[in-house]
Structures are given as structure tokens and as C-alpha cells.
């Protein structure tokens, strides 16, 4: 089924399967695909974000399960706290799945990583559909954060969406890109990867 995703500025993407069937003003796409389902989102459509600290967030941090909050808190564990926890492979895989979901909730559609060493982490990333961008040494500066706007580095977006490209984008509930830069990626309301709505803010 073909779906048109439109933002509050009237910009839209027509999605068919895993790809982009068309891009342009909403009225043009509705005229071109009159039987398509239309999803109207608050805010702005963007190509989605690239998180530069994929390795640090997925293999250098443990994302607690909500059921562990009383013991471990809710923020990712690093450093001495991570060493003391000493997660086994199963816990690393579960942590990576939670970390990926939290990235998706920040409009991330790709992560920059060195080679991921743990199979359970690689599996979690592959199943999510997140694109992996090779990251040469040395490691980037900044502070690893689920919100790329909070890491202290220039923010990188995925390539622009156009006809024939993969349906991979995010929507942020802000009026424009300047407001997104100020308010950050926590304003994400939807993330789409390979045509699938993988995150929707409730």
C-alpha cells in the first residue's frame, strides 16, 4: 500500500514498500497518487539523523531495562558502573535493542561505528534496519549522546530523500530546522526505516 507522509509545511514523501515513490508538495503527491493513504505529521520532515557515536552507545554503554531502574537507574551505564555490572552476551544484546529503540526515538536512521565486536549487538542493529556508516579512526570527539544535537559535534543528516531512494526519514515536532537545532532530537514524533514506521511518539 502506498502511503504519503506530509509535514506541517506541506512537504511530503510518497512511500511504496521500502522505497520513495515520490517527493514534493503534498497537493502534487495526492494528485499523483489519489488512492494513497495520507499521514499528516506535526512539524518537519527530514532525512533523519546520523549518530556519530554508535560504537560508544551500543558497545560502550549498558541501557538498563525499565525493570532494573530501581537498581541501575534509567541512564546508560559507562565506566566503572559498566565494569562492575559485567554484562554477559545476552544482556549486551538486550541493552543494544533498547539503545537502538532510544536512538530511533531521537530520529536516528544511521549510526557511525567502528567494527562492532559483539554478535548480539550486531544482530540488534541489523534487525532494527539502522544503516551503519563506517567510522575510521580516530574516534570522534564530543560526548556520546542519544541526541546528536547534544554531543557537541556538527549534526549530520542522512542523504536527502528522493524518488527511488530508501524510505528512511524522521519527523520532528518543530516549526523549522533552526528550532530543531535549539530544541534537539527529543522532539522526534516519527521515524521511518525501509518504509516501516519504527517509532511513533505516543
N, C-alpha and C. Protein backbone atom coordinates (compact mmCIF):
# COMPACT_ATOMS: atom_id res chain seq x y z
N UNK A 1 0.84 -1.20 0.00
CA UNK A 1 0.00 0.00 0.00
C UNK A 1 0.87 1.24 0.00
N UNK A 2 0.54 2.20 -0.83
CA UNK A 2 1.31 3.43 -0.92
C UNK A 2 0.82 4.41 0.14
N UNK A 3 1.76 5.01 0.87
CA UNK A 3 1.44 5.97 1.93
C UNK A 3 2.17 7.27 1.67
N UNK A 4 1.47 8.37 1.84
CA UNK A 4 2.07 9.70 1.74
C UNK A 4 2.25 10.25 3.15
N UNK A 5 3.48 10.62 3.48
CA UNK A 5 3.79 11.25 4.77
C UNK A 5 3.99 12.74 4.51
N UNK A 6 3.23 13.57 5.21
CA UNK A 6 3.29 15.01 5.00
C UNK A 6 3.56 15.74 6.31
N UNK A 7 4.31 16.84 6.24
CA UNK A 7 4.57 17.62 7.45
C UNK A 7 3.71 18.89 7.46
N UNK A 8 3.89 19.70 8.49
CA UNK A 8 3.04 20.87 8.65
C UNK A 8 3.37 21.98 7.66
N UNK A 9 4.47 21.84 6.94
CA UNK A 9 4.83 22.82 5.92
C UNK A 9 4.32 22.43 4.54
N UNK A 10 3.64 21.27 4.47
CA UNK A 10 3.11 20.82 3.19
C UNK A 10 4.11 20.06 2.34
N UNK A 11 5.25 19.71 2.93
CA UNK A 11 6.23 18.90 2.22
C UNK A 11 5.90 17.43 2.47
N UNK A 12 6.12 16.60 1.46
CA UNK A 12 5.63 15.22 1.58
C UNK A 12 6.53 14.23 0.86
N UNK A 13 6.43 12.97 1.31
CA UNK A 13 7.10 11.84 0.69
C UNK A 13 6.06 10.75 0.45
N UNK A 14 6.06 10.19 -0.75
CA UNK A 14 5.21 9.04 -1.05
C UNK A 14 6.06 7.78 -0.90
N UNK A 15 5.59 6.86 -0.06
CA UNK A 15 6.35 5.66 0.26
C UNK A 15 5.60 4.44 -0.27
N UNK A 16 6.33 3.62 -1.03
CA UNK A 16 5.77 2.36 -1.51
C UNK A 16 6.75 1.25 -1.18
N UNK A 17 6.33 0.32 -0.35
CA UNK A 17 7.26 -0.71 0.09
C UNK A 17 8.38 -0.08 0.89
N UNK A 18 9.62 -0.42 0.54
CA UNK A 18 10.78 0.10 1.26
C UNK A 18 11.38 1.34 0.63
N UNK A 19 10.74 1.86 -0.44
CA UNK A 19 11.35 2.97 -1.16
C UNK A 19 10.48 4.19 -1.29
N UNK A 20 11.09 5.27 -1.75
CA UNK A 20 10.40 6.53 -2.00
C UNK A 20 9.87 6.51 -3.43
N UNK A 21 8.55 6.64 -3.56
CA UNK A 21 7.93 6.69 -4.89
C UNK A 21 7.85 8.12 -5.42
N UNK A 22 7.89 9.09 -4.54
CA UNK A 22 7.83 10.48 -4.97
C UNK A 22 8.08 11.42 -3.81
N UNK A 23 8.53 12.63 -4.13
CA UNK A 23 8.79 13.65 -3.13
C UNK A 23 8.36 14.99 -3.69
N UNK A 24 7.75 15.83 -2.84
CA UNK A 24 7.32 17.14 -3.30
C UNK A 24 6.20 17.68 -2.45
N UNK A 25 5.53 18.73 -2.92
CA UNK A 25 4.40 19.29 -2.17
C UNK A 25 3.29 18.27 -2.02
N UNK A 26 2.61 18.32 -0.89
CA UNK A 26 1.55 17.36 -0.60
C UNK A 26 0.50 17.33 -1.69
N UNK A 27 0.05 18.49 -2.16
CA UNK A 27 -1.03 18.50 -3.15
C UNK A 27 -0.62 17.81 -4.45
N UNK A 28 0.65 17.92 -4.81
CA UNK A 28 1.12 17.26 -6.03
C UNK A 28 1.12 15.74 -5.86
N UNK A 29 1.56 15.26 -4.70
CA UNK A 29 1.60 13.82 -4.49
C UNK A 29 0.20 13.23 -4.35
N UNK A 30 -0.70 13.95 -3.71
CA UNK A 30 -2.09 13.47 -3.61
C UNK A 30 -2.71 13.37 -5.00
N UNK A 31 -2.41 14.34 -5.87
CA UNK A 31 -2.93 14.29 -7.24
C UNK A 31 -2.31 13.14 -8.02
N UNK A 32 -1.03 12.86 -7.76
CA UNK A 32 -0.35 11.78 -8.48
C UNK A 32 -0.76 10.40 -7.97
N UNK A 33 -1.09 10.32 -6.69
CA UNK A 33 -1.45 9.03 -6.07
C UNK A 33 -2.77 9.19 -5.31
N UNK A 34 -3.87 9.33 -6.03
CA UNK A 34 -5.15 9.65 -5.37
C UNK A 34 -5.66 8.57 -4.42
N UNK A 35 -5.21 7.34 -4.57
CA UNK A 35 -5.68 6.27 -3.69
C UNK A 35 -4.77 6.03 -2.49
N UNK A 36 -3.71 6.82 -2.37
CA UNK A 36 -2.74 6.61 -1.29
C UNK A 36 -3.32 7.01 0.07
N UNK A 37 -2.86 6.31 1.09
CA UNK A 37 -3.15 6.74 2.46
C UNK A 37 -2.29 7.94 2.79
N UNK A 38 -2.84 8.94 3.49
CA UNK A 38 -2.09 10.14 3.83
C UNK A 38 -1.92 10.22 5.35
N UNK A 39 -0.67 10.32 5.78
CA UNK A 39 -0.36 10.55 7.20
C UNK A 39 0.13 11.99 7.33
N UNK A 40 -0.53 12.76 8.14
CA UNK A 40 -0.12 14.14 8.38
C UNK A 40 0.54 14.24 9.75
N UNK A 41 1.78 14.72 9.74
CA UNK A 41 2.55 14.80 10.98
C UNK A 41 2.74 16.26 11.39
N UNK A 42 2.78 16.53 12.70
CA UNK A 42 3.15 17.88 13.14
C UNK A 42 4.65 18.08 12.96
N UNK A 43 5.04 19.28 12.57
CA UNK A 43 6.46 19.58 12.46
C UNK A 43 7.02 19.41 11.07
N UNK A 44 8.29 18.96 10.99
CA UNK A 44 9.03 18.95 9.72
C UNK A 44 9.55 17.55 9.40
N UNK A 45 9.46 17.22 8.12
CA UNK A 45 10.09 16.01 7.59
C UNK A 45 11.57 16.27 7.35
N UNK A 46 12.42 15.33 7.75
CA UNK A 46 13.86 15.43 7.49
C UNK A 46 14.37 14.07 7.03
N UNK A 47 15.58 14.02 6.45
CA UNK A 47 16.14 12.71 6.08
C UNK A 47 16.50 11.83 7.27
N UNK A 48 16.43 12.37 8.49
CA UNK A 48 16.84 11.61 9.66
C UNK A 48 18.29 11.88 10.02
N UNK A 49 18.67 11.53 11.21
CA UNK A 49 19.99 11.87 11.75
C UNK A 49 20.95 10.69 11.71
N UNK A 50 22.23 11.03 11.66
CA UNK A 50 23.31 10.05 11.81
C UNK A 50 23.94 10.27 13.18
N UNK A 51 23.91 9.26 14.04
CA UNK A 51 24.55 9.39 15.35
C UNK A 51 26.03 9.02 15.20
N UNK A 52 26.94 9.94 15.55
CA UNK A 52 28.38 9.68 15.32
C UNK A 52 29.01 8.75 16.34
N UNK A 53 28.28 8.40 17.40
CA UNK A 53 28.87 7.61 18.50
C UNK A 53 28.20 6.25 18.62
N UNK A 54 27.99 5.58 17.50
CA UNK A 54 27.34 4.27 17.54
C UNK A 54 28.09 3.26 18.39
N UNK A 55 29.39 3.19 18.22
CA UNK A 55 30.18 2.22 18.98
C UNK A 55 30.09 2.48 20.47
N UNK A 56 30.23 3.74 20.86
CA UNK A 56 30.22 4.08 22.28
C UNK A 56 28.85 3.82 22.91
N UNK A 57 27.79 4.09 22.18
CA UNK A 57 26.44 3.96 22.73
C UNK A 57 25.95 2.51 22.74
N UNK A 58 26.46 1.69 21.84
CA UNK A 58 25.96 0.32 21.73
C UNK A 58 26.90 -0.73 22.33
N UNK A 59 28.20 -0.47 22.30
CA UNK A 59 29.15 -1.44 22.88
C UNK A 59 29.94 -0.86 24.05
N UNK A 60 29.75 0.42 24.32
CA UNK A 60 30.45 1.04 25.44
C UNK A 60 29.52 1.56 26.51
N UNK A 61 28.24 1.20 26.41
CA UNK A 61 27.25 1.64 27.40
C UNK A 61 26.19 0.57 27.54
N UNK A 62 25.68 0.44 28.76
CA UNK A 62 24.59 -0.51 29.02
C UNK A 62 23.32 0.30 29.27
N UNK A 63 22.26 -0.02 28.49
CA UNK A 63 20.99 0.67 28.61
C UNK A 63 20.07 -0.18 29.50
N UNK A 64 19.81 0.28 30.73
CA UNK A 64 19.04 -0.54 31.66
C UNK A 64 17.61 -0.81 31.18
N UNK A 65 17.16 -1.99 31.51
CA UNK A 65 15.75 -2.33 31.33
C UNK A 65 14.94 -1.51 32.33
N UNK A 66 13.73 -1.04 31.96
CA UNK A 66 12.92 -0.30 32.94
C UNK A 66 12.73 -1.07 34.26
N UNK A 67 12.73 -2.41 34.19
CA UNK A 67 12.58 -3.20 35.41
C UNK A 67 13.82 -3.16 36.29
N UNK A 68 14.94 -2.66 35.74
CA UNK A 68 16.17 -2.53 36.51
C UNK A 68 16.37 -1.13 37.06
N UNK A 69 15.38 -0.25 36.85
CA UNK A 69 15.55 1.16 37.18
C UNK A 69 15.85 1.39 38.66
N UNK A 70 15.20 0.64 39.54
CA UNK A 70 15.45 0.85 40.98
C UNK A 70 16.89 0.55 41.35
N UNK A 71 17.47 -0.43 40.67
CA UNK A 71 18.84 -0.83 40.97
C UNK A 71 19.87 -0.04 40.18
N UNK A 72 19.59 0.17 38.89
CA UNK A 72 20.60 0.72 37.98
C UNK A 72 20.30 2.14 37.49
N UNK A 73 19.08 2.63 37.77
CA UNK A 73 18.70 3.92 37.23
C UNK A 73 18.19 3.78 35.80
N UNK A 74 18.02 4.89 35.13
CA UNK A 74 17.47 4.88 33.77
C UNK A 74 18.46 5.34 32.70
N UNK A 75 19.58 5.94 33.12
CA UNK A 75 20.56 6.45 32.16
C UNK A 75 21.57 5.35 31.79
N UNK A 76 22.14 5.42 30.58
CA UNK A 76 23.14 4.42 30.19
C UNK A 76 24.31 4.36 31.18
N UNK A 77 24.76 3.14 31.46
CA UNK A 77 25.88 2.93 32.37
C UNK A 77 27.18 2.84 31.57
N UNK A 78 28.19 3.55 32.02
CA UNK A 78 29.51 3.53 31.39
C UNK A 78 30.57 3.46 32.48
N UNK A 79 31.83 3.37 32.06
CA UNK A 79 32.94 3.46 33.00
C UNK A 79 32.91 2.39 34.08
N UNK A 80 33.15 2.83 35.33
CA UNK A 80 33.24 1.88 36.45
C UNK A 80 31.93 1.15 36.68
N UNK A 81 30.80 1.85 36.48
CA UNK A 81 29.50 1.21 36.69
C UNK A 81 29.29 0.08 35.70
N UNK A 82 29.72 0.28 34.46
CA UNK A 82 29.60 -0.77 33.45
C UNK A 82 30.54 -1.93 33.76
N UNK A 83 31.75 -1.61 34.19
CA UNK A 83 32.71 -2.66 34.56
C UNK A 83 32.18 -3.52 35.70
N UNK A 84 31.58 -2.87 36.69
CA UNK A 84 31.04 -3.61 37.83
C UNK A 84 29.86 -4.48 37.42
N UNK A 85 29.07 -4.03 36.47
CA UNK A 85 27.91 -4.81 36.03
C UNK A 85 28.34 -6.04 35.25
N UNK A 86 29.38 -5.90 34.42
CA UNK A 86 29.94 -7.00 33.63
C UNK A 86 28.85 -7.79 32.88
N UNK A 87 28.14 -7.16 31.95
CA UNK A 87 27.04 -7.86 31.27
C UNK A 87 27.56 -9.05 30.45
N UNK A 88 26.76 -10.12 30.42
CA UNK A 88 27.08 -11.23 29.53
C UNK A 88 26.51 -10.94 28.15
N UNK A 89 26.70 -11.86 27.19
CA UNK A 89 26.26 -11.60 25.82
C UNK A 89 24.76 -11.34 25.72
N UNK A 90 23.97 -12.07 26.50
CA UNK A 90 22.53 -11.89 26.45
C UNK A 90 22.13 -10.49 26.91
N UNK A 91 22.77 -10.02 27.97
CA UNK A 91 22.43 -8.67 28.46
C UNK A 91 22.92 -7.61 27.50
N UNK A 92 24.07 -7.84 26.84
CA UNK A 92 24.54 -6.88 25.84
C UNK A 92 23.55 -6.79 24.68
N UNK A 93 23.02 -7.93 24.26
CA UNK A 93 22.05 -7.90 23.17
C UNK A 93 20.79 -7.16 23.56
N UNK A 94 20.28 -7.42 24.77
CA UNK A 94 19.08 -6.72 25.23
C UNK A 94 19.34 -5.22 25.38
N UNK A 95 20.52 -4.89 25.89
CA UNK A 95 20.89 -3.48 26.02
C UNK A 95 20.93 -2.80 24.66
N UNK A 96 21.53 -3.47 23.68
CA UNK A 96 21.62 -2.89 22.33
C UNK A 96 20.24 -2.68 21.73
N UNK A 97 19.33 -3.62 21.96
CA UNK A 97 17.97 -3.46 21.43
C UNK A 97 17.30 -2.23 22.05
N UNK A 98 17.48 -2.04 23.35
CA UNK A 98 16.92 -0.85 24.00
C UNK A 98 17.61 0.41 23.51
N UNK A 99 18.93 0.35 23.36
CA UNK A 99 19.66 1.51 22.86
C UNK A 99 19.22 1.90 21.46
N UNK A 100 19.03 0.91 20.60
CA UNK A 100 18.55 1.18 19.24
C UNK A 100 17.18 1.84 19.28
N UNK A 101 16.27 1.34 20.11
CA UNK A 101 14.95 1.94 20.21
C UNK A 101 15.03 3.38 20.68
N UNK A 102 15.93 3.67 21.58
CA UNK A 102 16.08 5.04 22.06
C UNK A 102 16.69 5.94 20.99
N UNK A 103 17.55 5.38 20.16
CA UNK A 103 18.06 6.15 19.02
C UNK A 103 16.94 6.47 18.04
N UNK A 104 16.13 5.45 17.74
CA UNK A 104 15.02 5.67 16.81
C UNK A 104 14.08 6.75 17.34
N UNK A 105 13.91 6.80 18.65
CA UNK A 105 13.05 7.81 19.26
C UNK A 105 13.65 9.21 19.18
N UNK A 106 14.90 9.30 18.75
CA UNK A 106 15.55 10.59 18.53
C UNK A 106 15.76 10.85 17.03
N UNK A 107 15.03 10.15 16.19
CA UNK A 107 15.11 10.41 14.75
C UNK A 107 16.37 9.93 14.08
N UNK A 108 17.08 9.00 14.72
CA UNK A 108 18.31 8.46 14.13
C UNK A 108 17.97 7.37 13.13
N UNK A 109 18.53 7.46 11.94
CA UNK A 109 18.32 6.43 10.91
C UNK A 109 19.62 5.74 10.52
N UNK A 110 20.75 6.24 11.05
CA UNK A 110 22.06 5.64 10.75
C UNK A 110 23.00 5.90 11.92
N UNK A 111 23.93 4.97 12.12
CA UNK A 111 24.94 5.13 13.17
C UNK A 111 26.32 4.98 12.57
N UNK A 112 27.23 5.82 13.03
CA UNK A 112 28.63 5.72 12.61
C UNK A 112 29.36 4.86 13.62
N UNK A 113 29.96 3.78 13.14
CA UNK A 113 30.58 2.79 14.04
C UNK A 113 31.93 2.34 13.51
N UNK A 114 32.79 1.99 14.46
CA UNK A 114 33.89 1.10 14.14
C UNK A 114 33.29 -0.31 14.03
N UNK A 115 34.09 -1.30 13.72
CA UNK A 115 33.56 -2.65 13.63
C UNK A 115 32.98 -3.08 14.98
N UNK A 116 31.71 -3.48 14.98
CA UNK A 116 31.07 -3.94 16.21
C UNK A 116 31.56 -5.34 16.54
N UNK A 117 32.03 -5.54 17.78
CA UNK A 117 32.70 -6.78 18.15
C UNK A 117 31.74 -7.86 18.64
N UNK A 118 30.62 -7.45 19.19
CA UNK A 118 29.71 -8.42 19.80
C UNK A 118 28.60 -8.81 18.83
N UNK A 119 28.44 -10.11 18.62
CA UNK A 119 27.45 -10.59 17.67
C UNK A 119 26.04 -10.16 18.06
N UNK A 120 25.73 -10.20 19.37
CA UNK A 120 24.38 -9.84 19.80
C UNK A 120 24.08 -8.37 19.52
N UNK A 121 25.11 -7.53 19.59
CA UNK A 121 24.91 -6.11 19.26
C UNK A 121 24.74 -5.94 17.75
N UNK A 122 25.57 -6.63 16.98
CA UNK A 122 25.41 -6.56 15.51
C UNK A 122 24.02 -7.02 15.09
N UNK A 123 23.54 -8.09 15.72
CA UNK A 123 22.21 -8.60 15.37
C UNK A 123 21.12 -7.58 15.69
N UNK A 124 21.24 -6.91 16.82
CA UNK A 124 20.24 -5.91 17.21
C UNK A 124 20.20 -4.76 16.21
N UNK A 125 21.36 -4.33 15.77
CA UNK A 125 21.42 -3.23 14.80
C UNK A 125 20.84 -3.69 13.46
N UNK A 126 21.22 -4.88 13.02
CA UNK A 126 20.74 -5.38 11.73
C UNK A 126 19.22 -5.53 11.73
N UNK A 127 18.66 -6.04 12.80
CA UNK A 127 17.21 -6.24 12.86
C UNK A 127 16.45 -4.93 12.90
N UNK A 128 17.07 -3.89 13.42
CA UNK A 128 16.39 -2.59 13.51
C UNK A 128 16.27 -1.91 12.16
N UNK A 129 17.18 -2.24 11.24
CA UNK A 129 17.21 -1.56 9.96
C UNK A 129 18.08 -0.32 9.94
N UNK A 130 18.65 0.06 11.09
CA UNK A 130 19.55 1.21 11.10
C UNK A 130 20.70 0.99 10.12
N UNK A 131 20.99 2.01 9.34
CA UNK A 131 22.16 1.94 8.46
C UNK A 131 23.42 2.12 9.31
N UNK A 132 24.47 1.43 8.94
CA UNK A 132 25.75 1.55 9.63
C UNK A 132 26.75 2.23 8.70
N UNK A 133 27.30 3.34 9.17
CA UNK A 133 28.28 4.11 8.41
C UNK A 133 29.65 3.81 8.98
N UNK A 134 30.57 3.38 8.14
CA UNK A 134 31.93 3.10 8.61
C UNK A 134 32.54 4.36 9.20
N UNK A 135 33.22 4.18 10.32
CA UNK A 135 33.84 5.31 11.01
C UNK A 135 35.32 5.04 11.17
N UNK A 136 36.15 5.72 10.41
CA UNK A 136 37.59 5.48 10.53
C UNK A 136 38.12 6.05 11.84
N UNK A 137 39.27 5.52 12.27
CA UNK A 137 39.95 6.07 13.44
C UNK A 137 40.51 7.45 13.06
N UNK A 138 40.76 8.35 13.99
CA UNK A 138 40.50 8.20 15.41
C UNK A 138 39.02 8.39 15.75
N UNK A 139 38.65 8.01 16.96
CA UNK A 139 37.28 8.18 17.39
C UNK A 139 36.92 9.67 17.42
N UNK A 140 35.67 10.00 17.15
CA UNK A 140 35.29 11.41 17.17
C UNK A 140 35.31 11.98 18.57
N UNK A 141 35.43 13.29 18.65
CA UNK A 141 35.34 13.95 19.95
C UNK A 141 33.90 14.05 20.37
N UNK A 142 33.64 15.01 21.22
CA UNK A 142 32.28 15.20 21.69
C UNK A 142 31.90 14.20 22.77
N UNK A 143 30.66 14.30 23.21
CA UNK A 143 30.14 13.45 24.28
C UNK A 143 29.07 12.54 23.70
N UNK A 144 29.24 11.21 23.79
CA UNK A 144 28.21 10.31 23.26
C UNK A 144 26.84 10.61 23.86
N UNK A 145 25.86 10.75 23.00
CA UNK A 145 24.51 11.07 23.44
C UNK A 145 23.50 10.47 22.48
N UNK A 146 22.36 10.06 23.00
CA UNK A 146 21.29 9.58 22.13
C UNK A 146 20.77 10.71 21.25
N UNK A 147 20.93 11.94 21.69
CA UNK A 147 20.53 13.12 20.91
C UNK A 147 21.76 13.69 20.23
N UNK A 148 21.89 13.53 18.90
CA UNK A 148 23.08 14.05 18.22
C UNK A 148 23.29 15.55 18.42
N UNK A 149 22.23 16.29 18.72
CA UNK A 149 22.38 17.72 18.96
C UNK A 149 23.05 18.02 20.29
N UNK A 150 23.14 17.02 21.16
CA UNK A 150 23.72 17.23 22.48
C UNK A 150 25.15 16.72 22.59
N UNK A 151 25.72 16.20 21.49
CA UNK A 151 27.04 15.57 21.61
C UNK A 151 28.20 16.53 21.39
N UNK A 152 27.91 17.76 20.98
CA UNK A 152 28.98 18.75 20.82
C UNK A 152 29.70 18.71 19.50
N UNK A 153 29.17 17.95 18.53
CA UNK A 153 29.76 17.88 17.19
C UNK A 153 28.75 18.42 16.18
N UNK A 154 29.21 18.82 14.97
CA UNK A 154 28.26 19.21 13.94
C UNK A 154 27.28 18.08 13.65
N UNK A 155 26.02 18.41 13.52
CA UNK A 155 24.99 17.39 13.30
C UNK A 155 24.98 16.98 11.84
N UNK A 156 24.92 15.66 11.64
CA UNK A 156 24.92 15.11 10.28
C UNK A 156 23.57 14.45 9.99
N UNK A 157 23.00 14.83 8.84
CA UNK A 157 21.77 14.20 8.39
C UNK A 157 22.09 13.12 7.35
N UNK A 158 21.20 12.15 7.23
CA UNK A 158 21.30 11.16 6.16
C UNK A 158 21.08 11.86 4.82
N UNK A 159 21.42 11.22 3.69
CA UNK A 159 21.22 11.86 2.39
C UNK A 159 19.76 12.24 2.16
N UNK A 160 19.51 13.31 1.41
CA UNK A 160 18.13 13.72 1.12
C UNK A 160 17.33 12.60 0.47
N UNK A 161 16.03 12.57 0.78
CA UNK A 161 15.14 11.56 0.20
C UNK A 161 14.65 12.03 -1.16
N UNK A 162 14.69 11.15 -2.12
CA UNK A 162 14.21 11.45 -3.46
C UNK A 162 13.67 10.18 -4.08
N UNK A 163 12.99 10.34 -5.21
CA UNK A 163 12.38 9.19 -5.87
C UNK A 163 13.42 8.10 -6.11
N UNK A 164 13.09 6.88 -5.70
CA UNK A 164 13.98 5.74 -5.91
C UNK A 164 14.93 5.47 -4.75
N UNK A 165 15.01 6.38 -3.79
CA UNK A 165 15.90 6.14 -2.65
C UNK A 165 15.16 5.36 -1.57
N UNK A 166 15.89 4.87 -0.60
CA UNK A 166 15.28 4.12 0.50
C UNK A 166 14.39 5.03 1.33
N UNK A 167 13.27 4.48 1.78
CA UNK A 167 12.34 5.25 2.62
C UNK A 167 12.88 5.25 4.04
N UNK A 168 13.69 6.23 4.33
CA UNK A 168 14.42 6.33 5.61
C UNK A 168 14.41 7.81 5.99
N UNK A 169 13.59 8.18 6.98
CA UNK A 169 13.46 9.59 7.33
C UNK A 169 12.86 9.73 8.72
N UNK A 170 12.81 10.97 9.21
CA UNK A 170 12.27 11.24 10.55
C UNK A 170 11.48 12.54 10.52
N UNK A 171 10.56 12.66 11.47
CA UNK A 171 9.73 13.85 11.61
C UNK A 171 9.93 14.42 13.01
N UNK A 172 10.14 15.73 13.09
CA UNK A 172 10.35 16.40 14.37
C UNK A 172 9.30 17.48 14.56
N UNK A 173 8.74 17.54 15.75
CA UNK A 173 7.65 18.48 16.04
C UNK A 173 8.21 19.86 16.38
N UNK A 174 8.75 20.49 15.36
CA UNK A 174 9.29 21.85 15.45
C UNK A 174 8.89 22.59 14.18
N UNK A 175 8.89 23.92 14.20
CA UNK A 175 8.46 24.66 13.01
C UNK A 175 9.48 24.69 11.87
N UNK A 176 10.77 24.56 12.20
CA UNK A 176 11.80 24.64 11.17
C UNK A 176 13.11 24.07 11.70
N UNK A 177 14.12 24.06 10.83
CA UNK A 177 15.41 23.46 11.19
C UNK A 177 16.11 24.24 12.30
N UNK A 178 15.92 25.56 12.34
CA UNK A 178 16.55 26.35 13.40
C UNK A 178 15.99 25.95 14.77
N UNK A 179 14.69 25.72 14.83
CA UNK A 179 14.08 25.29 16.09
C UNK A 179 14.53 23.89 16.46
N UNK A 180 14.73 23.03 15.46
CA UNK A 180 15.23 21.68 15.74
C UNK A 180 16.61 21.75 16.37
N UNK A 181 17.46 22.63 15.84
CA UNK A 181 18.80 22.77 16.38
C UNK A 181 18.76 23.25 17.83
N UNK A 182 17.80 24.09 18.16
CA UNK A 182 17.69 24.63 19.51
C UNK A 182 17.07 23.62 20.47
N UNK A 183 16.03 22.94 20.03
CA UNK A 183 15.25 22.07 20.93
C UNK A 183 15.73 20.62 20.92
N UNK A 184 16.47 20.23 19.89
CA UNK A 184 17.08 18.91 19.88
C UNK A 184 16.19 17.81 19.36
N UNK A 185 16.80 16.62 19.27
CA UNK A 185 16.14 15.47 18.63
C UNK A 185 15.10 14.80 19.51
N UNK A 186 14.99 15.23 20.77
CA UNK A 186 13.92 14.72 21.61
C UNK A 186 12.55 15.15 21.13
N UNK A 187 12.49 16.02 20.14
CA UNK A 187 11.23 16.46 19.55
C UNK A 187 10.73 15.50 18.47
N UNK A 188 11.42 14.39 18.26
CA UNK A 188 11.02 13.43 17.22
C UNK A 188 9.63 12.87 17.51
N UNK A 189 8.80 12.83 16.47
CA UNK A 189 7.46 12.23 16.60
C UNK A 189 7.34 10.96 15.78
N UNK A 190 8.22 10.76 14.80
CA UNK A 190 8.13 9.55 13.98
C UNK A 190 9.46 9.29 13.28
N UNK A 191 9.80 8.01 13.16
CA UNK A 191 10.98 7.59 12.40
C UNK A 191 10.57 6.43 11.50
N UNK A 192 10.96 6.54 10.24
CA UNK A 192 10.62 5.52 9.24
C UNK A 192 11.92 4.95 8.68
N UNK A 193 12.02 3.63 8.64
CA UNK A 193 13.20 2.95 8.07
C UNK A 193 12.70 1.86 7.12
N UNK A 194 13.21 1.90 5.89
CA UNK A 194 12.81 0.94 4.87
C UNK A 194 11.28 0.87 4.73
N UNK A 195 10.64 2.03 4.85
CA UNK A 195 9.20 2.11 4.69
C UNK A 195 8.41 1.73 5.91
N UNK A 196 9.07 1.26 6.97
CA UNK A 196 8.38 0.83 8.20
C UNK A 196 8.39 1.96 9.23
N UNK A 197 7.25 2.21 9.83
CA UNK A 197 7.17 3.17 10.92
C UNK A 197 7.72 2.49 12.17
N UNK A 198 9.00 2.75 12.47
CA UNK A 198 9.66 2.03 13.56
C UNK A 198 9.59 2.77 14.88
N UNK A 199 9.21 4.05 14.84
CA UNK A 199 8.97 4.79 16.06
C UNK A 199 7.86 5.80 15.82
N UNK A 200 6.95 5.87 16.78
CA UNK A 200 5.90 6.89 16.75
C UNK A 200 5.66 7.33 18.19
N UNK A 201 5.78 8.64 18.41
CA UNK A 201 5.57 9.15 19.76
C UNK A 201 4.11 9.02 20.15
N UNK A 202 3.88 8.48 21.32
CA UNK A 202 2.50 8.28 21.78
C UNK A 202 1.95 9.55 22.42
